Amino acid sequence: MTENNPIAAKKPEIGWRLRLGLVIFVVGFASPLLIPVVTASALPTQWKTILSGALAVGIPELFSIVAVAIMGKSGFNYIKERFFGFIKKHGPPERVSRTRYRIGLVMFCLPLLLGWSEPYFRQLSGFEAHRLLVGVIGDLLLVSSLFVLGGEFWDKVRALFIRDARVVLEEPSRS
């Protein structure tokens, strides 16, 4: 049984090395959340710039390398298998119903249309005061629509970036 799955054959002992590596991994990827703290501090502007850049670009990568070194190859593969297994299990289904697809398309197109027409709405009273909130809601709606639309939609989006991709339309089923 373990011959078919090399990761299961080398399942690491969940000990201090795996836990410490996982903590370092999470802390590294959470480090950009400290950028507002750095920018609000009394440090000189040059130091704020350096620290913010390191928190955004250097520290997550450095912490990832350190975490993998602590966990080892088997520990990293175990974490990777668990993470992608969770995503596959709870991610979007391959096919969705017609109603769900239509709802997802509305969720996908609405933020795009609002973002495109936003310069024309700036003069409306109250819009400028809530511009950030409208932007955050639009972004959340767009991202969540990708999960509502399902896996086949991801294939359609991917095909946009493949020059030789061709559309093959199926006859709609009469149900």
N, C-alpha and C. Protein backbone atom coordinates (compact mmCIF):
# COMPACT_ATOMS: atom_id res chain seq x y z
N MET A 1 0.82 -1.18 0.00
CA MET A 1 0.00 0.00 0.00
C MET A 1 0.87 1.25 0.00
N THR A 2 1.98 1.25 0.67
CA THR A 2 2.85 2.42 0.70
C THR A 2 3.74 2.50 -0.53
N GLU A 3 3.79 1.44 -1.32
CA GLU A 3 4.62 1.46 -2.52
C GLU A 3 4.06 2.41 -3.57
N ASN A 4 2.72 2.55 -3.62
CA ASN A 4 2.09 3.42 -4.61
C ASN A 4 2.17 4.89 -4.21
N ASN A 5 2.30 5.19 -2.93
CA ASN A 5 2.30 6.56 -2.45
C ASN A 5 3.58 6.80 -1.66
N PRO A 6 4.61 7.39 -2.30
CA PRO A 6 5.87 7.59 -1.61
C PRO A 6 5.77 8.57 -0.45
N ILE A 7 4.82 9.49 -0.49
CA ILE A 7 4.67 10.43 0.61
C ILE A 7 4.14 9.72 1.84
N ALA A 8 3.18 8.80 1.63
CA ALA A 8 2.65 8.05 2.77
C ALA A 8 3.71 7.14 3.35
N ALA A 9 4.63 6.68 2.51
CA ALA A 9 5.69 5.81 3.00
C ALA A 9 6.64 6.57 3.91
N LYS A 10 6.81 7.87 3.66
CA LYS A 10 7.72 8.69 4.45
C LYS A 10 6.96 9.68 5.31
N LYS A 11 5.78 9.30 5.80
CA LYS A 11 4.99 10.20 6.63
C LYS A 11 5.80 10.54 7.88
N PRO A 12 6.04 11.83 8.09
CA PRO A 12 6.92 12.20 9.19
C PRO A 12 6.23 12.05 10.54
N GLU A 13 7.04 11.90 11.52
CA GLU A 13 6.54 11.89 12.88
C GLU A 13 6.17 13.32 13.22
N ILE A 14 4.94 13.51 13.70
CA ILE A 14 4.51 14.87 14.01
C ILE A 14 5.16 15.26 15.32
N GLY A 15 6.34 15.80 15.20
CA GLY A 15 7.12 16.19 16.36
C GLY A 15 7.42 17.67 16.34
N TRP A 16 8.41 18.05 17.12
CA TRP A 16 8.73 19.46 17.27
C TRP A 16 9.25 20.08 15.98
N ARG A 17 9.97 19.32 15.15
CA ARG A 17 10.52 19.88 13.92
C ARG A 17 9.40 20.25 12.94
N LEU A 18 8.40 19.38 12.81
CA LEU A 18 7.29 19.66 11.91
C LEU A 18 6.48 20.85 12.42
N ARG A 19 6.20 20.88 13.71
CA ARG A 19 5.43 21.98 14.30
C ARG A 19 6.18 23.31 14.19
N LEU A 20 7.46 23.30 14.52
CA LEU A 20 8.25 24.53 14.43
C LEU A 20 8.34 25.01 12.98
N GLY A 21 8.56 24.11 12.06
CA GLY A 21 8.61 24.49 10.64
C GLY A 21 7.30 25.08 10.17
N LEU A 22 6.18 24.50 10.60
CA LEU A 22 4.87 25.01 10.21
C LEU A 22 4.64 26.40 10.79
N VAL A 23 5.03 26.62 12.04
CA VAL A 23 4.89 27.95 12.66
C VAL A 23 5.73 28.98 11.90
N ILE A 24 6.95 28.64 11.58
CA ILE A 24 7.83 29.56 10.84
C ILE A 24 7.25 29.85 9.46
N PHE A 25 6.70 28.84 8.81
CA PHE A 25 6.09 29.00 7.49
C PHE A 25 4.92 29.99 7.56
N VAL A 26 4.03 29.81 8.54
CA VAL A 26 2.86 30.68 8.69
C VAL A 26 3.29 32.10 9.06
N VAL A 27 4.24 32.23 9.98
CA VAL A 27 4.71 33.56 10.38
C VAL A 27 5.33 34.28 9.19
N GLY A 28 6.07 33.56 8.37
CA GLY A 28 6.68 34.18 7.19
C GLY A 28 5.65 34.71 6.22
N PHE A 29 4.61 33.94 5.96
CA PHE A 29 3.60 34.41 5.02
C PHE A 29 2.67 35.44 5.62
N ALA A 30 2.63 35.55 6.95
CA ALA A 30 1.82 36.57 7.61
C ALA A 30 2.61 37.87 7.81
N SER A 31 3.90 37.85 7.55
CA SER A 31 4.73 39.03 7.79
C SER A 31 4.29 40.29 7.03
N PRO A 32 3.74 40.21 5.82
CA PRO A 32 3.27 41.44 5.17
C PRO A 32 2.17 42.16 5.95
N LEU A 33 1.50 41.46 6.85
CA LEU A 33 0.47 42.11 7.66
C LEU A 33 1.06 43.13 8.64
N LEU A 34 2.38 43.08 8.86
CA LEU A 34 3.04 44.03 9.74
C LEU A 34 3.43 45.33 9.04
N ILE A 35 3.25 45.43 7.75
CA ILE A 35 3.62 46.64 7.01
C ILE A 35 2.89 47.88 7.54
N PRO A 36 1.58 47.82 7.83
CA PRO A 36 0.95 49.03 8.39
C PRO A 36 1.53 49.44 9.74
N VAL A 37 1.98 48.48 10.54
CA VAL A 37 2.61 48.81 11.82
C VAL A 37 3.91 49.56 11.58
N VAL A 38 4.68 49.10 10.61
CA VAL A 38 5.96 49.75 10.30
C VAL A 38 5.72 51.16 9.76
N THR A 39 4.76 51.31 8.86
CA THR A 39 4.52 52.64 8.28
C THR A 39 3.95 53.62 9.29
N ALA A 40 3.27 53.13 10.32
CA ALA A 40 2.72 54.02 11.34
C ALA A 40 3.73 54.33 12.44
N SER A 41 4.89 53.70 12.42
CA SER A 41 5.89 53.92 13.46
C SER A 41 6.61 55.25 13.26
N ALA A 42 7.43 55.60 14.23
CA ALA A 42 8.17 56.86 14.19
C ALA A 42 9.54 56.70 13.53
N LEU A 43 9.78 55.60 12.87
CA LEU A 43 11.06 55.38 12.20
C LEU A 43 11.25 56.37 11.05
N PRO A 44 12.49 56.62 10.68
CA PRO A 44 12.73 57.46 9.49
C PRO A 44 12.15 56.79 8.24
N THR A 45 11.82 57.61 7.26
CA THR A 45 11.19 57.12 6.03
C THR A 45 12.03 56.06 5.32
N GLN A 46 13.33 56.24 5.33
CA GLN A 46 14.21 55.28 4.67
C GLN A 46 14.10 53.90 5.32
N TRP A 47 14.07 53.86 6.66
CA TRP A 47 13.94 52.59 7.37
C TRP A 47 12.57 51.97 7.14
N LYS A 48 11.53 52.81 7.10
CA LYS A 48 10.18 52.29 6.83
C LYS A 48 10.13 51.62 5.46
N THR A 49 10.77 52.24 4.49
CA THR A 49 10.79 51.69 3.14
C THR A 49 11.51 50.35 3.09
N ILE A 50 12.67 50.29 3.73
CA ILE A 50 13.46 49.06 3.74
C ILE A 50 12.71 47.94 4.45
N LEU A 51 12.17 48.24 5.63
CA LEU A 51 11.45 47.21 6.39
C LEU A 51 10.18 46.75 5.69
N SER A 52 9.45 47.69 5.10
CA SER A 52 8.22 47.32 4.39
C SER A 52 8.53 46.43 3.18
N GLY A 53 9.60 46.78 2.46
CA GLY A 53 10.00 45.95 1.32
C GLY A 53 10.42 44.56 1.75
N ALA A 54 11.17 44.49 2.85
CA ALA A 54 11.60 43.17 3.36
C ALA A 54 10.41 42.35 3.82
N LEU A 55 9.45 43.00 4.49
CA LEU A 55 8.27 42.27 4.96
C LEU A 55 7.41 41.78 3.79
N ALA A 56 7.42 42.51 2.70
CA ALA A 56 6.59 42.12 1.55
C ALA A 56 7.27 41.10 0.67
N VAL A 57 8.59 41.23 0.47
CA VAL A 57 9.25 40.40 -0.52
C VAL A 57 10.25 39.43 0.09
N GLY A 58 11.13 39.86 0.94
CA GLY A 58 12.23 39.00 1.38
C GLY A 58 11.89 38.03 2.50
N ILE A 59 11.21 38.50 3.50
CA ILE A 59 10.98 37.67 4.69
C ILE A 59 10.11 36.45 4.41
N PRO A 60 8.99 36.55 3.67
CA PRO A 60 8.22 35.33 3.41
C PRO A 60 9.03 34.24 2.71
N GLU A 61 9.85 34.62 1.75
CA GLU A 61 10.66 33.63 1.04
C GLU A 61 11.73 33.05 1.94
N LEU A 62 12.39 33.90 2.71
CA LEU A 62 13.44 33.44 3.62
C LEU A 62 12.87 32.50 4.68
N PHE A 63 11.72 32.87 5.26
CA PHE A 63 11.10 32.01 6.27
C PHE A 63 10.66 30.68 5.67
N SER A 64 10.22 30.69 4.39
CA SER A 64 9.83 29.44 3.74
C SER A 64 11.02 28.50 3.62
N ILE A 65 12.18 29.04 3.22
CA ILE A 65 13.37 28.22 3.09
C ILE A 65 13.80 27.67 4.44
N VAL A 66 13.75 28.51 5.47
CA VAL A 66 14.12 28.06 6.82
C VAL A 66 13.14 26.99 7.31
N ALA A 67 11.84 27.18 7.05
CA ALA A 67 10.84 26.21 7.49
C ALA A 67 11.04 24.86 6.81
N VAL A 68 11.33 24.87 5.51
CA VAL A 68 11.55 23.61 4.80
C VAL A 68 12.83 22.94 5.32
N ALA A 69 13.84 23.73 5.62
CA ALA A 69 15.08 23.16 6.15
C ALA A 69 14.83 22.51 7.51
N ILE A 70 14.01 23.11 8.33
CA ILE A 70 13.72 22.54 9.66
C ILE A 70 12.84 21.30 9.53
N MET A 71 11.80 21.37 8.68
CA MET A 71 10.87 20.24 8.55
C MET A 71 11.50 19.07 7.81
N GLY A 72 12.38 19.37 6.90
CA GLY A 72 12.92 18.31 6.06
C GLY A 72 12.00 18.06 4.87
N LYS A 73 12.50 17.30 3.92
CA LYS A 73 11.74 17.03 2.71
C LYS A 73 10.45 16.27 3.00
N SER A 74 10.53 15.28 3.87
CA SER A 74 9.33 14.50 4.16
C SER A 74 8.28 15.34 4.89
N GLY A 75 8.72 16.21 5.78
CA GLY A 75 7.77 17.08 6.48
C GLY A 75 7.12 18.07 5.54
N PHE A 76 7.91 18.67 4.64
CA PHE A 76 7.35 19.61 3.68
C PHE A 76 6.37 18.91 2.75
N ASN A 77 6.71 17.73 2.27
CA ASN A 77 5.80 16.99 1.38
C ASN A 77 4.52 16.61 2.11
N TYR A 78 4.63 16.29 3.39
CA TYR A 78 3.44 15.96 4.19
C TYR A 78 2.52 17.18 4.31
N ILE A 79 3.09 18.35 4.62
CA ILE A 79 2.30 19.57 4.74
C ILE A 79 1.68 19.93 3.38
N LYS A 80 2.46 19.81 2.32
CA LYS A 80 1.97 20.13 0.98
C LYS A 80 0.82 19.20 0.60
N GLU A 81 0.95 17.91 0.91
CA GLU A 81 -0.10 16.95 0.59
C GLU A 81 -1.38 17.26 1.36
N ARG A 82 -1.24 17.61 2.62
CA ARG A 82 -2.41 17.94 3.44
C ARG A 82 -3.09 19.21 2.94
N PHE A 83 -2.29 20.23 2.61
CA PHE A 83 -2.85 21.50 2.15
C PHE A 83 -3.60 21.32 0.83
N PHE A 84 -2.95 20.72 -0.16
CA PHE A 84 -3.60 20.55 -1.46
C PHE A 84 -4.74 19.54 -1.40
N GLY A 85 -4.67 18.58 -0.50
CA GLY A 85 -5.80 17.68 -0.29
C GLY A 85 -7.02 18.42 0.23
N PHE A 86 -6.78 19.36 1.15
CA PHE A 86 -7.88 20.17 1.69
C PHE A 86 -8.47 21.05 0.59
N ILE A 87 -7.61 21.68 -0.20
CA ILE A 87 -8.09 22.55 -1.29
C ILE A 87 -8.90 21.74 -2.30
N LYS A 88 -8.41 20.56 -2.63
CA LYS A 88 -9.11 19.73 -3.61
C LYS A 88 -10.46 19.27 -3.07
N LYS A 89 -10.50 18.94 -1.79
CA LYS A 89 -11.74 18.45 -1.18
C LYS A 89 -12.78 19.56 -1.04
N HIS A 90 -12.33 20.77 -0.66
CA HIS A 90 -13.26 21.86 -0.38
C HIS A 90 -13.28 22.93 -1.47
N GLY A 91 -12.55 22.74 -2.53
CA GLY A 91 -12.51 23.71 -3.62
C GLY A 91 -13.74 23.63 -4.48
N PRO A 92 -13.74 24.37 -5.57
CA PRO A 92 -14.92 24.38 -6.42
C PRO A 92 -15.11 23.05 -7.15
N PRO A 93 -16.36 22.63 -7.33
CA PRO A 93 -16.61 21.40 -8.08
C PRO A 93 -16.33 21.61 -9.56
N GLU A 94 -16.15 20.52 -10.27
CA GLU A 94 -15.84 20.62 -11.70
C GLU A 94 -17.03 21.20 -12.48
N ARG A 95 -18.21 20.64 -12.28
CA ARG A 95 -19.41 21.10 -12.97
C ARG A 95 -20.39 21.66 -11.95
N VAL A 96 -21.08 22.72 -12.34
CA VAL A 96 -22.09 23.32 -11.46
C VAL A 96 -23.41 23.40 -12.20
N SER A 97 -24.48 23.63 -11.45
CA SER A 97 -25.80 23.72 -12.08
C SER A 97 -25.92 25.02 -12.88
N ARG A 98 -26.92 25.06 -13.72
CA ARG A 98 -27.15 26.23 -14.57
C ARG A 98 -27.44 27.46 -13.71
N THR A 99 -28.23 27.30 -12.66
CA THR A 99 -28.55 28.43 -11.77
C THR A 99 -27.30 28.94 -11.07
N ARG A 100 -26.50 28.03 -10.55
CA ARG A 100 -25.27 28.44 -9.87
C ARG A 100 -24.32 29.13 -10.84
N TYR A 101 -24.25 28.66 -12.06
CA TYR A 101 -23.39 29.26 -13.06
C TYR A 101 -23.84 30.68 -13.37
N ARG A 102 -25.13 30.88 -13.51
CA ARG A 102 -25.66 32.22 -13.81
C ARG A 102 -25.41 33.18 -12.64
N ILE A 103 -25.60 32.70 -11.42
CA ILE A 103 -25.32 33.52 -10.24
C ILE A 103 -23.84 33.88 -10.21
N GLY A 104 -22.99 32.92 -10.50
CA GLY A 104 -21.56 33.16 -10.52
C GLY A 104 -21.15 34.17 -11.59
N LEU A 105 -21.80 34.11 -12.75
CA LEU A 105 -21.49 35.08 -13.81
C LEU A 105 -21.88 36.50 -13.40
N VAL A 106 -23.02 36.64 -12.73
CA VAL A 106 -23.42 37.96 -12.23
C VAL A 106 -22.41 38.44 -11.19
N MET A 107 -22.02 37.54 -10.29
CA MET A 107 -21.02 37.91 -9.28
C MET A 107 -19.69 38.29 -9.92
N PHE A 108 -19.35 37.66 -11.02
CA PHE A 108 -18.09 37.92 -11.71
C PHE A 108 -18.15 39.24 -12.48
N CYS A 109 -19.25 39.49 -13.18
CA CYS A 109 -19.34 40.67 -14.04
C CYS A 109 -19.66 41.95 -13.29
N LEU A 110 -20.41 41.86 -12.21
CA LEU A 110 -20.83 43.06 -11.48
C LEU A 110 -19.64 43.90 -10.99
N PRO A 111 -18.63 43.32 -10.31
CA PRO A 111 -17.50 44.16 -9.89
C PRO A 111 -16.71 44.73 -11.07
N LEU A 112 -16.64 43.99 -12.17
CA LEU A 112 -15.93 44.50 -13.34
C LEU A 112 -16.66 45.71 -13.94
N LEU A 113 -17.98 45.62 -14.04
CA LEU A 113 -18.76 46.73 -14.57
C LEU A 113 -18.72 47.93 -13.64
N LEU A 114 -18.81 47.70 -12.34
CA LEU A 114 -18.75 48.80 -11.38
C LEU A 114 -17.38 49.46 -11.38
N GLY A 115 -16.32 48.66 -11.48
CA GLY A 115 -14.98 49.22 -11.54
C GLY A 115 -14.76 50.04 -12.80
N TRP A 116 -15.31 49.58 -13.90
CA TRP A 116 -15.18 50.29 -15.16
C TRP A 116 -15.97 51.61 -15.14
N SER A 117 -17.14 51.59 -14.51
CA SER A 117 -17.99 52.79 -14.50
C SER A 117 -17.74 53.68 -13.28
N GLU A 118 -16.84 53.31 -12.39
CA GLU A 118 -16.58 54.07 -11.17
C GLU A 118 -16.21 55.53 -11.42
N PRO A 119 -15.40 55.86 -12.40
CA PRO A 119 -15.09 57.29 -12.60
C PRO A 119 -16.33 58.14 -12.88
N TYR A 120 -17.37 57.55 -13.42
CA TYR A 120 -18.58 58.30 -13.71
C TYR A 120 -19.45 58.50 -12.48
N PHE A 121 -19.25 57.65 -11.45
CA PHE A 121 -20.05 57.73 -10.23
C PHE A 121 -19.40 58.56 -9.13
N ARG A 122 -18.22 59.06 -9.36
CA ARG A 122 -17.51 59.79 -8.31
C ARG A 122 -18.28 61.01 -7.82
N GLN A 123 -19.06 61.63 -8.66
CA GLN A 123 -19.77 62.83 -8.28
C GLN A 123 -21.01 62.53 -7.44
N LEU A 124 -21.43 61.29 -7.38
CA LEU A 124 -22.61 60.95 -6.58
C LEU A 124 -22.30 61.18 -5.11
N SER A 125 -23.27 61.69 -4.41
CA SER A 125 -23.05 61.97 -2.98
C SER A 125 -22.91 60.66 -2.22
N GLY A 126 -21.94 60.61 -1.34
CA GLY A 126 -21.73 59.44 -0.51
C GLY A 126 -20.81 58.39 -1.10
N PHE A 127 -20.63 58.40 -2.40
CA PHE A 127 -19.78 57.37 -3.01
C PHE A 127 -18.32 57.56 -2.62
N GLU A 128 -17.84 58.78 -2.68
CA GLU A 128 -16.43 59.05 -2.39
C GLU A 128 -16.08 58.67 -0.94
N ALA A 129 -17.02 58.87 -0.03
CA ALA A 129 -16.77 58.55 1.39
C ALA A 129 -16.65 57.04 1.62
N HIS A 130 -17.30 56.25 0.79
CA HIS A 130 -17.32 54.79 0.96
C HIS A 130 -16.60 54.07 -0.18
N ARG A 131 -15.69 54.77 -0.84
CA ARG A 131 -15.00 54.20 -1.99
C ARG A 131 -14.19 52.96 -1.64
N LEU A 132 -13.50 52.97 -0.51
CA LEU A 132 -12.71 51.81 -0.09
C LEU A 132 -13.62 50.62 0.19
N LEU A 133 -14.72 50.84 0.88
CA LEU A 133 -15.65 49.76 1.17
C LEU A 133 -16.22 49.15 -0.10
N VAL A 134 -16.57 49.99 -1.05
CA VAL A 134 -17.10 49.50 -2.33
C VAL A 134 -16.03 48.68 -3.04
N GLY A 135 -14.78 49.13 -3.00
CA GLY A 135 -13.69 48.39 -3.63
C GLY A 135 -13.45 47.04 -2.99
N VAL A 136 -13.47 46.99 -1.66
CA VAL A 136 -13.25 45.72 -0.95
C VAL A 136 -14.39 44.75 -1.24
N ILE A 137 -15.62 45.24 -1.21
CA ILE A 137 -16.77 44.37 -1.49
C ILE A 137 -16.69 43.85 -2.93
N GLY A 138 -16.32 44.70 -3.86
CA GLY A 138 -16.18 44.27 -5.25
C GLY A 138 -15.11 43.21 -5.42
N ASP A 139 -13.97 43.39 -4.75
CA ASP A 139 -12.89 42.39 -4.84
C ASP A 139 -13.32 41.06 -4.23
N LEU A 140 -13.98 41.11 -3.08
CA LEU A 140 -14.46 39.86 -2.46
C LEU A 140 -15.49 39.16 -3.33
N LEU A 141 -16.35 39.94 -3.95
CA LEU A 141 -17.36 39.37 -4.84
C LEU A 141 -16.71 38.71 -6.05
N LEU A 142 -15.70 39.35 -6.62
CA LEU A 142 -15.01 38.79 -7.77
C LEU A 142 -14.29 37.48 -7.42
N VAL A 143 -13.58 37.47 -6.31
CA VAL A 143 -12.85 36.26 -5.90
C VAL A 143 -13.83 35.14 -5.55
N SER A 144 -14.88 35.45 -4.81
CA SER A 144 -15.83 34.39 -4.45
C SER A 144 -16.58 33.86 -5.67
N SER A 145 -16.75 34.69 -6.69
CA SER A 145 -17.44 34.22 -7.90
C SER A 145 -16.64 33.11 -8.59
N LEU A 146 -15.32 33.14 -8.47
CA LEU A 146 -14.51 32.09 -9.10
C LEU A 146 -14.76 30.73 -8.45
N PHE A 147 -15.12 30.72 -7.18
CA PHE A 147 -15.45 29.46 -6.52
C PHE A 147 -16.89 29.04 -6.82
N VAL A 148 -17.77 30.00 -7.00
CA VAL A 148 -19.16 29.68 -7.33
C VAL A 148 -19.25 29.12 -8.75
N LEU A 149 -18.43 29.64 -9.67
CA LEU A 149 -18.50 29.23 -11.06
C LEU A 149 -17.98 27.82 -11.32
N GLY A 150 -17.13 27.30 -10.48
CA GLY A 150 -16.68 25.92 -10.62
C GLY A 150 -15.43 25.76 -11.47
N GLY A 151 -14.98 24.52 -11.55
CA GLY A 151 -13.72 24.19 -12.21
C GLY A 151 -13.72 24.40 -13.70
N GLU A 152 -14.84 24.18 -14.37
CA GLU A 152 -14.87 24.36 -15.82
C GLU A 152 -14.65 25.82 -16.21
N PHE A 153 -15.10 26.74 -15.36
CA PHE A 153 -14.86 28.16 -15.64
C PHE A 153 -13.37 28.48 -15.58
N TRP A 154 -12.66 27.84 -14.63
CA TRP A 154 -11.21 28.03 -14.54
C TRP A 154 -10.54 27.59 -15.85
N ASP A 155 -11.04 26.50 -16.43
CA ASP A 155 -10.48 26.04 -17.70
C ASP A 155 -10.74 27.06 -18.82
N LYS A 156 -11.91 27.69 -18.79
CA LYS A 156 -12.23 28.70 -19.79
C LYS A 156 -11.32 29.92 -19.64
N VAL A 157 -11.08 30.34 -18.42
CA VAL A 157 -10.19 31.47 -18.17
C VAL A 157 -8.76 31.11 -18.61
N ARG A 158 -8.33 29.91 -18.28
CA ARG A 158 -6.99 29.45 -18.66
C ARG A 158 -6.83 29.43 -20.18
N ALA A 159 -7.90 29.04 -20.88
CA ALA A 159 -7.84 28.96 -22.34
C ALA A 159 -7.67 30.34 -22.98
N LEU A 160 -8.04 31.40 -22.27
CA LEU A 160 -7.83 32.75 -22.80
C LEU A 160 -6.35 33.05 -23.02
N PHE A 161 -5.49 32.40 -22.25
CA PHE A 161 -4.07 32.69 -22.30
C PHE A 161 -3.28 31.65 -23.11
N ILE A 162 -3.99 30.76 -23.76
CA ILE A 162 -3.36 29.76 -24.63
C ILE A 162 -3.73 30.10 -26.06
N ARG A 163 -2.73 30.46 -26.83
CA ARG A 163 -2.98 30.94 -28.18
C ARG A 163 -3.70 29.93 -29.05
N ASP A 164 -3.35 28.67 -28.96
CA ASP A 164 -3.93 27.65 -29.84
C ASP A 164 -5.18 26.99 -29.27
N ALA A 165 -5.72 27.52 -28.19
CA ALA A 165 -6.93 26.93 -27.60
C ALA A 165 -8.12 27.16 -28.54
N ARG A 166 -8.95 26.17 -28.64
CA ARG A 166 -10.13 26.23 -29.50
C ARG A 166 -11.37 25.94 -28.68
N VAL A 167 -12.47 26.57 -29.06
CA VAL A 167 -13.74 26.37 -28.38
C VAL A 167 -14.44 25.17 -29.01
N VAL A 168 -14.90 24.25 -28.17
CA VAL A 168 -15.69 23.12 -28.63
C VAL A 168 -17.01 23.20 -27.90
N LEU A 169 -18.06 23.56 -28.60
CA LEU A 169 -19.38 23.72 -27.99
C LEU A 169 -20.14 22.41 -28.05
N GLU A 170 -20.72 22.06 -26.93
CA GLU A 170 -21.57 20.86 -26.87
C GLU A 170 -23.01 21.28 -27.09
N GLU A 171 -23.80 20.37 -27.62
CA GLU A 171 -25.22 20.63 -27.76
C GLU A 171 -25.84 20.71 -26.37
N PRO A 172 -26.61 21.76 -26.08
CA PRO A 172 -27.22 21.85 -24.75
C PRO A 172 -28.24 20.74 -24.55
N SER A 173 -28.24 20.15 -23.38
CA SER A 173 -29.20 19.09 -23.08
C SER A 173 -30.54 19.72 -22.73
N ARG A 174 -31.58 19.13 -23.19
CA ARG A 174 -32.94 19.60 -22.92
C ARG A 174 -33.45 18.91 -21.66
N SER A 175 -33.37 19.64 -20.55
CA SER A 175 -33.88 19.04 -19.31
C SER A 175 -34.89 19.89 -18.65
